[in-house]
Amino acid sequence: MQKSEFISKIKVLAKQAYANKTNQPEIAQSKFPMVDKFPPLKDVMDDLFDFQYEPFVEDVEWVAPRPTTFRIKLVNGADFYLMYEGKDDDKALFVAQVAGKRYFLESLPEEQQASEAIARLLRYKFADTGKDEEEVDTEIDIDTEVDTEIEAPEVEPAVPQSVEDL
């Protein structure tokens, strides 16, 4: 085998190896790419939703860089916030703000209270603002004249008008 044949075989084998590596199926990503990018967030979401957050969460948004804050949008239109407060003894510290109240998630009782508050948000049915039923016509037609006069009933004055009325 000559040097040129050896180089051409290496090139062919290198192309085949590279093609096999690039044609691998991609790892399935979850419904929420932000959760994939920030692994401690997945652990907290699993704890708050008891490992079944995907059917109840519509979207996860990163809304502030410091403190790192995430808005969790629920399927019924409500939302709450998770703030990353750093690490303590290899555990990520998060604070949940649900309906205006803050829960420190390193404490188990507060984590349970936060889960209950999220459950209340999910149970709450927001009022529909769209009018699906018959729409009420509240417009007034300016071109149409209405000849109705409202007569006020006569009311006797409380104060006499002259001395003779006393």
N, C-alpha and C. Protein backbone atom coordinates (compact mmCIF):
# COMPACT_ATOMS: atom_id res chain seq x y z
N MET A 1 0.85 -1.17 0.00
CA MET A 1 0.00 0.00 0.00
C MET A 1 0.90 1.23 0.00
N GLN A 2 0.53 2.14 -0.84
CA GLN A 2 1.32 3.36 -0.94
C GLN A 2 0.76 4.43 -0.01
N LYS A 3 1.55 5.44 0.14
CA LYS A 3 1.19 6.52 1.05
C LYS A 3 -0.10 7.21 0.62
N SER A 4 -0.31 7.46 -0.65
CA SER A 4 -1.50 8.15 -1.14
C SER A 4 -2.77 7.29 -0.93
N GLU A 5 -2.67 5.96 -1.12
CA GLU A 5 -3.80 5.08 -0.88
C GLU A 5 -4.18 5.07 0.60
N PHE A 6 -3.17 5.06 1.44
CA PHE A 6 -3.39 5.06 2.88
C PHE A 6 -4.11 6.35 3.32
N ILE A 7 -3.70 7.48 2.78
CA ILE A 7 -4.33 8.77 3.11
C ILE A 7 -5.77 8.80 2.62
N SER A 8 -6.04 8.28 1.44
CA SER A 8 -7.41 8.29 0.91
C SER A 8 -8.32 7.39 1.75
N LYS A 9 -7.81 6.22 2.20
CA LYS A 9 -8.61 5.35 3.06
C LYS A 9 -8.91 6.02 4.40
N ILE A 10 -7.94 6.73 4.95
CA ILE A 10 -8.16 7.44 6.22
C ILE A 10 -9.22 8.52 6.04
N LYS A 11 -9.17 9.23 4.91
CA LYS A 11 -10.17 10.27 4.64
C LYS A 11 -11.57 9.67 4.55
N VAL A 12 -11.70 8.54 3.87
CA VAL A 12 -13.01 7.88 3.72
C VAL A 12 -13.52 7.43 5.09
N LEU A 13 -12.65 6.81 5.87
CA LEU A 13 -13.05 6.35 7.21
C LEU A 13 -13.40 7.53 8.12
N ALA A 14 -12.66 8.63 8.01
CA ALA A 14 -12.94 9.81 8.83
C ALA A 14 -14.30 10.40 8.47
N LYS A 15 -14.63 10.45 7.17
CA LYS A 15 -15.93 10.97 6.74
C LYS A 15 -17.07 10.08 7.24
N GLN A 16 -16.87 8.76 7.19
CA GLN A 16 -17.90 7.84 7.67
C GLN A 16 -18.10 7.98 9.18
N ALA A 17 -17.01 8.09 9.91
CA ALA A 17 -17.11 8.24 11.37
C ALA A 17 -17.79 9.56 11.73
N TYR A 18 -17.44 10.62 11.03
CA TYR A 18 -18.06 11.92 11.30
C TYR A 18 -19.55 11.89 10.94
N ALA A 19 -19.91 11.24 9.84
CA ALA A 19 -21.31 11.14 9.43
C ALA A 19 -22.12 10.34 10.45
N ASN A 20 -21.54 9.29 11.00
CA ASN A 20 -22.24 8.50 12.01
C ASN A 20 -22.48 9.31 13.28
N LYS A 21 -21.52 10.13 13.66
CA LYS A 21 -21.68 10.95 14.88
C LYS A 21 -22.73 12.03 14.70
N THR A 22 -22.78 12.65 13.52
CA THR A 22 -23.72 13.74 13.30
C THR A 22 -25.13 13.26 13.00
N ASN A 23 -25.29 12.02 12.58
CA ASN A 23 -26.62 11.50 12.27
C ASN A 23 -27.30 10.86 13.46
N GLN A 24 -26.68 10.94 14.64
CA GLN A 24 -27.29 10.38 15.84
C GLN A 24 -28.57 11.15 16.15
N PRO A 25 -29.62 10.46 16.58
CA PRO A 25 -30.84 11.18 16.96
C PRO A 25 -30.56 12.07 18.17
N GLU A 26 -31.16 13.26 18.15
CA GLU A 26 -30.94 14.21 19.23
C GLU A 26 -31.64 13.72 20.49
N ILE A 27 -31.06 14.10 21.60
CA ILE A 27 -31.66 13.75 22.88
C ILE A 27 -32.97 14.52 23.01
N ALA A 28 -34.00 13.84 23.38
CA ALA A 28 -35.32 14.47 23.49
C ALA A 28 -35.29 15.53 24.58
N GLN A 29 -35.67 16.74 24.20
CA GLN A 29 -35.74 17.82 25.17
C GLN A 29 -37.14 17.89 25.74
N SER A 30 -37.23 18.43 26.92
CA SER A 30 -38.54 18.55 27.54
C SER A 30 -39.32 19.68 26.88
N LYS A 31 -40.51 19.85 27.33
CA LYS A 31 -41.41 20.87 26.80
C LYS A 31 -40.91 22.28 27.12
N PHE A 32 -40.06 22.39 28.14
CA PHE A 32 -39.60 23.69 28.61
C PHE A 32 -38.08 23.77 28.51
N PRO A 33 -37.54 24.46 27.50
CA PRO A 33 -36.09 24.54 27.33
C PRO A 33 -35.39 25.28 28.48
N MET A 34 -36.09 26.20 29.14
CA MET A 34 -35.47 26.92 30.25
C MET A 34 -35.17 25.97 31.40
N VAL A 35 -36.02 25.00 31.61
CA VAL A 35 -35.79 24.01 32.66
C VAL A 35 -34.57 23.16 32.32
N ASP A 36 -34.38 22.86 31.02
CA ASP A 36 -33.22 22.08 30.60
C ASP A 36 -31.93 22.88 30.79
N LYS A 37 -31.98 24.18 30.58
CA LYS A 37 -30.80 25.02 30.70
C LYS A 37 -30.41 25.29 32.16
N PHE A 38 -31.35 25.19 33.06
CA PHE A 38 -31.11 25.50 34.47
C PHE A 38 -31.56 24.31 35.32
N PRO A 39 -30.70 23.29 35.49
CA PRO A 39 -31.10 22.05 36.17
C PRO A 39 -31.65 22.22 37.59
N PRO A 40 -31.15 23.16 38.43
CA PRO A 40 -31.77 23.28 39.76
C PRO A 40 -33.25 23.63 39.70
N LEU A 41 -33.65 24.33 38.64
CA LEU A 41 -35.06 24.70 38.49
C LEU A 41 -35.92 23.45 38.31
N LYS A 42 -35.41 22.46 37.59
CA LYS A 42 -36.17 21.22 37.40
C LYS A 42 -36.41 20.52 38.73
N ASP A 43 -35.39 20.50 39.60
CA ASP A 43 -35.55 19.87 40.90
C ASP A 43 -36.62 20.56 41.74
N VAL A 44 -36.62 21.89 41.71
CA VAL A 44 -37.62 22.64 42.48
C VAL A 44 -39.01 22.43 41.92
N MET A 45 -39.13 22.43 40.59
CA MET A 45 -40.44 22.21 39.97
C MET A 45 -40.96 20.80 40.31
N ASP A 46 -40.05 19.82 40.30
CA ASP A 46 -40.45 18.46 40.67
C ASP A 46 -40.95 18.41 42.11
N ASP A 47 -40.27 19.12 43.00
CA ASP A 47 -40.70 19.14 44.40
C ASP A 47 -42.05 19.84 44.57
N LEU A 48 -42.24 20.97 43.91
CA LEU A 48 -43.48 21.73 44.09
C LEU A 48 -44.69 21.02 43.47
N PHE A 49 -44.48 20.38 42.33
CA PHE A 49 -45.59 19.75 41.61
C PHE A 49 -45.61 18.24 41.77
N ASP A 50 -44.77 17.71 42.63
CA ASP A 50 -44.73 16.27 42.89
C ASP A 50 -44.46 15.48 41.60
N PHE A 51 -43.43 15.88 40.87
CA PHE A 51 -42.94 15.21 39.66
C PHE A 51 -43.94 15.17 38.51
N GLN A 52 -44.94 16.04 38.50
CA GLN A 52 -45.89 16.05 37.40
C GLN A 52 -46.28 17.48 37.03
N TYR A 53 -45.28 18.31 36.77
CA TYR A 53 -45.58 19.71 36.48
C TYR A 53 -45.94 19.96 35.01
N GLU A 54 -45.54 19.09 34.09
CA GLU A 54 -45.74 19.36 32.67
C GLU A 54 -47.20 19.56 32.26
N PRO A 55 -48.19 18.80 32.79
CA PRO A 55 -49.58 19.05 32.38
C PRO A 55 -50.14 20.36 32.93
N PHE A 56 -49.55 20.91 33.97
CA PHE A 56 -50.11 22.09 34.64
C PHE A 56 -49.40 23.38 34.28
N VAL A 57 -48.23 23.29 33.70
CA VAL A 57 -47.44 24.48 33.38
C VAL A 57 -47.49 24.73 31.88
N GLU A 58 -47.80 25.96 31.52
CA GLU A 58 -47.86 26.33 30.11
C GLU A 58 -46.49 26.78 29.60
N ASP A 59 -45.78 27.57 30.41
CA ASP A 59 -44.50 28.11 29.96
C ASP A 59 -43.64 28.48 31.16
N VAL A 60 -42.34 28.47 30.97
CA VAL A 60 -41.39 28.91 31.98
C VAL A 60 -40.54 29.99 31.32
N GLU A 61 -40.57 31.20 31.89
CA GLU A 61 -39.83 32.32 31.33
C GLU A 61 -38.78 32.81 32.31
N TRP A 62 -37.65 33.23 31.79
CA TRP A 62 -36.61 33.84 32.60
C TRP A 62 -36.86 35.33 32.53
N VAL A 63 -37.21 35.98 33.66
CA VAL A 63 -37.64 37.37 33.62
C VAL A 63 -36.64 38.35 34.22
N ALA A 64 -35.70 37.90 35.04
CA ALA A 64 -34.73 38.83 35.63
C ALA A 64 -33.40 38.11 35.85
N PRO A 65 -32.29 38.82 35.60
CA PRO A 65 -30.99 38.18 35.76
C PRO A 65 -30.51 38.09 37.21
N ARG A 66 -30.80 39.10 38.02
CA ARG A 66 -30.32 39.09 39.40
C ARG A 66 -31.34 39.71 40.31
N PRO A 67 -31.88 39.04 41.25
CA PRO A 67 -31.74 37.60 41.44
C PRO A 67 -32.41 36.88 40.28
N THR A 68 -31.85 35.77 39.91
CA THR A 68 -32.37 34.99 38.79
C THR A 68 -33.83 34.63 39.10
N THR A 69 -34.72 35.16 38.26
CA THR A 69 -36.15 35.01 38.51
C THR A 69 -36.82 34.37 37.31
N PHE A 70 -37.66 33.40 37.59
CA PHE A 70 -38.41 32.71 36.56
C PHE A 70 -39.89 32.90 36.79
N ARG A 71 -40.63 33.19 35.71
CA ARG A 71 -42.10 33.26 35.78
C ARG A 71 -42.63 31.92 35.29
N ILE A 72 -43.43 31.28 36.13
CA ILE A 72 -44.03 30.01 35.77
C ILE A 72 -45.49 30.30 35.42
N LYS A 73 -45.83 30.14 34.15
CA LYS A 73 -47.20 30.39 33.70
C LYS A 73 -47.97 29.08 33.74
N LEU A 74 -49.09 29.11 34.43
CA LEU A 74 -49.93 27.92 34.56
C LEU A 74 -50.93 27.86 33.41
N VAL A 75 -51.53 26.71 33.20
CA VAL A 75 -52.43 26.51 32.06
C VAL A 75 -53.71 27.32 32.17
N ASN A 76 -54.10 27.74 33.38
CA ASN A 76 -55.33 28.51 33.52
C ASN A 76 -55.10 30.01 33.46
N GLY A 77 -53.88 30.44 33.13
CA GLY A 77 -53.61 31.87 32.98
C GLY A 77 -52.94 32.49 34.19
N ALA A 78 -52.92 31.83 35.31
CA ALA A 78 -52.26 32.35 36.51
C ALA A 78 -50.76 32.14 36.38
N ASP A 79 -49.99 32.86 37.19
CA ASP A 79 -48.56 32.65 37.20
C ASP A 79 -48.00 32.90 38.58
N PHE A 80 -46.80 32.42 38.80
CA PHE A 80 -46.07 32.66 40.04
C PHE A 80 -44.59 32.73 39.69
N TYR A 81 -43.79 33.15 40.65
CA TYR A 81 -42.37 33.37 40.40
C TYR A 81 -41.50 32.48 41.28
N LEU A 82 -40.38 32.05 40.73
CA LEU A 82 -39.34 31.34 41.47
C LEU A 82 -38.06 32.14 41.35
N MET A 83 -37.47 32.51 42.50
CA MET A 83 -36.23 33.28 42.52
C MET A 83 -35.10 32.40 43.05
N TYR A 84 -34.02 32.36 42.30
CA TYR A 84 -32.85 31.58 42.69
C TYR A 84 -31.99 32.45 43.60
N GLU A 85 -31.70 31.96 44.81
CA GLU A 85 -30.96 32.73 45.80
C GLU A 85 -29.53 32.24 45.99
N GLY A 86 -29.04 31.31 45.19
CA GLY A 86 -27.69 30.80 45.32
C GLY A 86 -27.67 29.38 45.85
N LYS A 87 -26.48 28.96 46.31
CA LYS A 87 -26.32 27.59 46.82
C LYS A 87 -25.91 27.63 48.28
N ASP A 88 -26.33 26.59 48.99
CA ASP A 88 -25.94 26.40 50.37
C ASP A 88 -25.74 24.91 50.59
N ASP A 89 -24.52 24.51 50.87
CA ASP A 89 -24.19 23.09 51.08
C ASP A 89 -24.64 22.23 49.90
N ASP A 90 -24.28 22.62 48.70
CA ASP A 90 -24.59 21.88 47.47
C ASP A 90 -26.09 21.75 47.21
N LYS A 91 -26.88 22.63 47.78
CA LYS A 91 -28.32 22.63 47.52
C LYS A 91 -28.71 24.02 47.03
N ALA A 92 -29.47 24.06 45.93
CA ALA A 92 -29.92 25.34 45.38
C ALA A 92 -31.02 25.91 46.27
N LEU A 93 -30.91 27.20 46.57
CA LEU A 93 -31.91 27.87 47.40
C LEU A 93 -32.85 28.66 46.50
N PHE A 94 -34.13 28.42 46.65
CA PHE A 94 -35.13 29.12 45.87
C PHE A 94 -36.17 29.74 46.81
N VAL A 95 -36.76 30.84 46.33
CA VAL A 95 -37.88 31.48 47.00
C VAL A 95 -39.02 31.50 45.99
N ALA A 96 -40.19 31.03 46.39
CA ALA A 96 -41.37 31.06 45.52
C ALA A 96 -42.25 32.23 45.95
N GLN A 97 -42.72 32.99 44.98
CA GLN A 97 -43.67 34.06 45.25
C GLN A 97 -44.97 33.70 44.55
N VAL A 98 -45.95 33.29 45.36
CA VAL A 98 -47.23 32.82 44.85
C VAL A 98 -48.31 33.75 45.39
N ALA A 99 -49.04 34.40 44.49
CA ALA A 99 -50.13 35.31 44.86
C ALA A 99 -49.66 36.36 45.86
N GLY A 100 -48.44 36.86 45.65
CA GLY A 100 -47.93 37.95 46.49
C GLY A 100 -47.25 37.50 47.77
N LYS A 101 -47.32 36.25 48.12
CA LYS A 101 -46.69 35.77 49.35
C LYS A 101 -45.42 35.01 49.01
N ARG A 102 -44.38 35.21 49.82
CA ARG A 102 -43.09 34.57 49.59
C ARG A 102 -42.94 33.32 50.46
N TYR A 103 -42.42 32.27 49.85
CA TYR A 103 -42.17 31.01 50.55
C TYR A 103 -40.71 30.62 50.34
N PHE A 104 -39.97 30.41 51.43
CA PHE A 104 -38.58 30.00 51.35
C PHE A 104 -38.55 28.48 51.24
N LEU A 105 -38.13 27.98 50.09
CA LEU A 105 -38.30 26.57 49.76
C LEU A 105 -37.29 25.64 50.41
N GLU A 106 -36.30 26.19 51.17
CA GLU A 106 -35.40 25.28 51.87
C GLU A 106 -36.05 24.72 53.12
N SER A 107 -37.16 25.32 53.54
CA SER A 107 -37.91 24.85 54.68
C SER A 107 -39.06 23.96 54.18
N LEU A 108 -39.14 22.75 54.66
CA LEU A 108 -40.17 21.81 54.20
C LEU A 108 -41.59 22.32 54.45
N PRO A 109 -41.91 22.89 55.62
CA PRO A 109 -43.28 23.40 55.81
C PRO A 109 -43.63 24.52 54.83
N GLU A 110 -42.66 25.40 54.55
CA GLU A 110 -42.95 26.47 53.59
C GLU A 110 -43.05 25.93 52.17
N GLU A 111 -42.29 24.90 51.85
CA GLU A 111 -42.40 24.28 50.54
C GLU A 111 -43.79 23.67 50.37
N GLN A 112 -44.30 23.03 51.43
CA GLN A 112 -45.65 22.47 51.36
C GLN A 112 -46.70 23.57 51.25
N GLN A 113 -46.50 24.69 51.95
CA GLN A 113 -47.44 25.80 51.84
C GLN A 113 -47.41 26.39 50.42
N ALA A 114 -46.22 26.45 49.83
CA ALA A 114 -46.12 26.96 48.46
C ALA A 114 -46.85 26.02 47.49
N SER A 115 -46.71 24.71 47.70
CA SER A 115 -47.42 23.74 46.85
C SER A 115 -48.93 23.90 46.98
N GLU A 116 -49.40 24.12 48.20
CA GLU A 116 -50.84 24.33 48.41
C GLU A 116 -51.31 25.63 47.77
N ALA A 117 -50.49 26.68 47.83
CA ALA A 117 -50.85 27.95 47.19
C ALA A 117 -50.92 27.79 45.68
N ILE A 118 -50.01 27.03 45.10
CA ILE A 118 -50.04 26.77 43.66
C ILE A 118 -51.29 25.96 43.31
N ALA A 119 -51.64 25.00 44.16
CA ALA A 119 -52.86 24.21 43.93
C ALA A 119 -54.09 25.10 43.96
N ARG A 120 -54.10 26.09 44.87
CA ARG A 120 -55.23 27.04 44.90
C ARG A 120 -55.28 27.84 43.61
N LEU A 121 -54.11 28.26 43.10
CA LEU A 121 -54.10 28.98 41.83
C LEU A 121 -54.65 28.12 40.70
N LEU A 122 -54.31 26.85 40.72
CA LEU A 122 -54.79 25.96 39.66
C LEU A 122 -56.29 25.69 39.78
N ARG A 123 -56.80 25.68 41.00
CA ARG A 123 -58.24 25.45 41.19
C ARG A 123 -59.06 26.67 40.81
N TYR A 124 -58.48 27.84 40.96
CA TYR A 124 -59.21 29.07 40.71
C TYR A 124 -59.50 29.21 39.23
N LYS A 125 -60.76 29.41 38.90
CA LYS A 125 -61.17 29.58 37.51
C LYS A 125 -61.32 31.06 37.24
N PHE A 126 -60.53 31.58 36.34
CA PHE A 126 -60.59 32.99 36.02
C PHE A 126 -61.86 33.29 35.23
N ALA A 127 -62.40 34.50 35.42
CA ALA A 127 -63.59 34.91 34.70
C ALA A 127 -63.25 35.12 33.24
N ASP A 128 -64.13 34.68 32.36
CA ASP A 128 -63.91 34.88 30.94
C ASP A 128 -64.18 36.33 30.59
N THR A 129 -63.24 36.95 29.88
CA THR A 129 -63.44 38.33 29.47
C THR A 129 -64.06 38.41 28.09
N GLY A 130 -63.95 37.35 27.31
CA GLY A 130 -64.56 37.33 25.99
C GLY A 130 -66.04 37.05 26.10
N LYS A 131 -66.79 37.58 25.14
CA LYS A 131 -68.23 37.37 25.16
C LYS A 131 -68.58 36.26 24.19
N ASP A 132 -68.70 35.05 24.68
CA ASP A 132 -69.03 33.92 23.84
C ASP A 132 -70.52 33.84 23.59
N GLU A 133 -71.29 34.31 24.56
CA GLU A 133 -72.74 34.24 24.41
C GLU A 133 -73.22 35.44 23.60
N GLU A 134 -74.54 35.68 23.63
CA GLU A 134 -75.13 36.80 22.92
C GLU A 134 -74.51 38.09 23.41
N GLU A 135 -74.08 38.91 22.46
CA GLU A 135 -73.51 40.19 22.86
C GLU A 135 -74.65 41.19 23.01
N VAL A 136 -74.56 41.98 24.04
CA VAL A 136 -75.58 42.96 24.31
C VAL A 136 -75.27 44.22 23.52
N ASP A 137 -76.29 44.74 22.81
CA ASP A 137 -76.09 45.93 22.01
C ASP A 137 -76.32 47.15 22.89
N THR A 138 -75.24 47.83 23.21
CA THR A 138 -75.35 48.99 24.09
C THR A 138 -75.15 50.29 23.33
N GLU A 139 -75.02 50.23 22.01
CA GLU A 139 -74.83 51.44 21.24
C GLU A 139 -76.15 52.18 21.08
N ILE A 140 -76.08 53.50 21.04
CA ILE A 140 -77.27 54.34 20.86
C ILE A 140 -77.24 54.85 19.44
N ASP A 141 -78.37 54.70 18.75
CA ASP A 141 -78.47 55.18 17.38
C ASP A 141 -78.78 56.67 17.42
N ILE A 142 -77.86 57.49 16.96
CA ILE A 142 -78.01 58.94 17.04
C ILE A 142 -79.05 59.43 16.04
N ASP A 143 -79.20 58.75 14.92
CA ASP A 143 -80.13 59.19 13.89
C ASP A 143 -81.58 59.05 14.31
N THR A 144 -81.91 58.22 15.24
CA THR A 144 -83.28 58.00 15.66
C THR A 144 -83.62 58.98 16.77
N GLU A 145 -84.76 59.68 16.57
CA GLU A 145 -85.19 60.62 17.59
C GLU A 145 -86.19 59.95 18.50
N VAL A 146 -86.07 60.23 19.76
CA VAL A 146 -86.98 59.68 20.73
C VAL A 146 -87.79 60.83 21.31
N ASP A 147 -89.12 60.75 21.18
CA ASP A 147 -90.00 61.82 21.66
C ASP A 147 -90.62 61.44 22.98
N THR A 148 -89.86 61.11 23.90
CA THR A 148 -90.40 60.81 25.21
C THR A 148 -89.88 61.83 26.19
N GLU A 149 -90.80 62.42 26.90
CA GLU A 149 -90.43 63.38 27.93
C GLU A 149 -90.73 62.76 29.27
N ILE A 150 -89.83 62.92 30.14
CA ILE A 150 -90.03 62.41 31.48
C ILE A 150 -90.50 63.56 32.34
N GLU A 151 -91.68 63.41 32.89
CA GLU A 151 -92.22 64.46 33.74
C GLU A 151 -91.89 64.14 35.18
N ALA A 152 -91.30 65.11 35.82
CA ALA A 152 -90.95 64.92 37.23
C ALA A 152 -92.19 65.20 38.07
N PRO A 153 -92.43 64.41 39.08
CA PRO A 153 -93.59 64.67 39.94
C PRO A 153 -93.39 65.97 40.71
N GLU A 154 -94.52 66.64 40.96
CA GLU A 154 -94.43 67.90 41.69
C GLU A 154 -94.18 67.62 43.15
N VAL A 155 -93.22 68.31 43.66
CA VAL A 155 -92.85 68.13 45.05
C VAL A 155 -93.04 69.48 45.73
N GLU A 156 -93.74 69.49 46.85
CA GLU A 156 -93.94 70.73 47.57
C GLU A 156 -92.63 71.15 48.20
N PRO A 157 -92.33 72.42 48.10
CA PRO A 157 -91.08 72.89 48.70
C PRO A 157 -91.14 72.78 50.20
N ALA A 158 -90.03 72.47 50.80
CA ALA A 158 -89.96 72.32 52.25
C ALA A 158 -89.90 73.67 52.92
N VAL A 159 -89.39 74.67 52.25
CA VAL A 159 -89.28 76.01 52.84
C VAL A 159 -90.41 76.86 52.26
N PRO A 160 -91.18 77.56 53.12
CA PRO A 160 -92.26 78.39 52.58
C PRO A 160 -91.70 79.54 51.77
N GLN A 161 -92.43 79.94 50.71
CA GLN A 161 -91.94 80.98 49.82
C GLN A 161 -92.28 82.39 50.33
N SER A 162 -93.27 82.50 51.13
CA SER A 162 -93.61 83.83 51.66
C SER A 162 -94.08 83.68 53.10
N VAL A 163 -94.30 84.85 53.74
CA VAL A 163 -94.73 84.86 55.12
C VAL A 163 -96.18 84.36 55.23
N GLU A 164 -96.95 84.62 54.20
CA GLU A 164 -98.33 84.22 54.21
C GLU A 164 -98.47 82.69 54.18
N ASP A 165 -97.50 81.99 53.64
CA ASP A 165 -97.55 80.53 53.57
C ASP A 165 -97.28 79.89 54.92
N LEU A 166 -96.82 80.70 55.88
CA LEU A 166 -96.53 80.13 57.21
C LEU A 166 -97.82 79.90 57.90
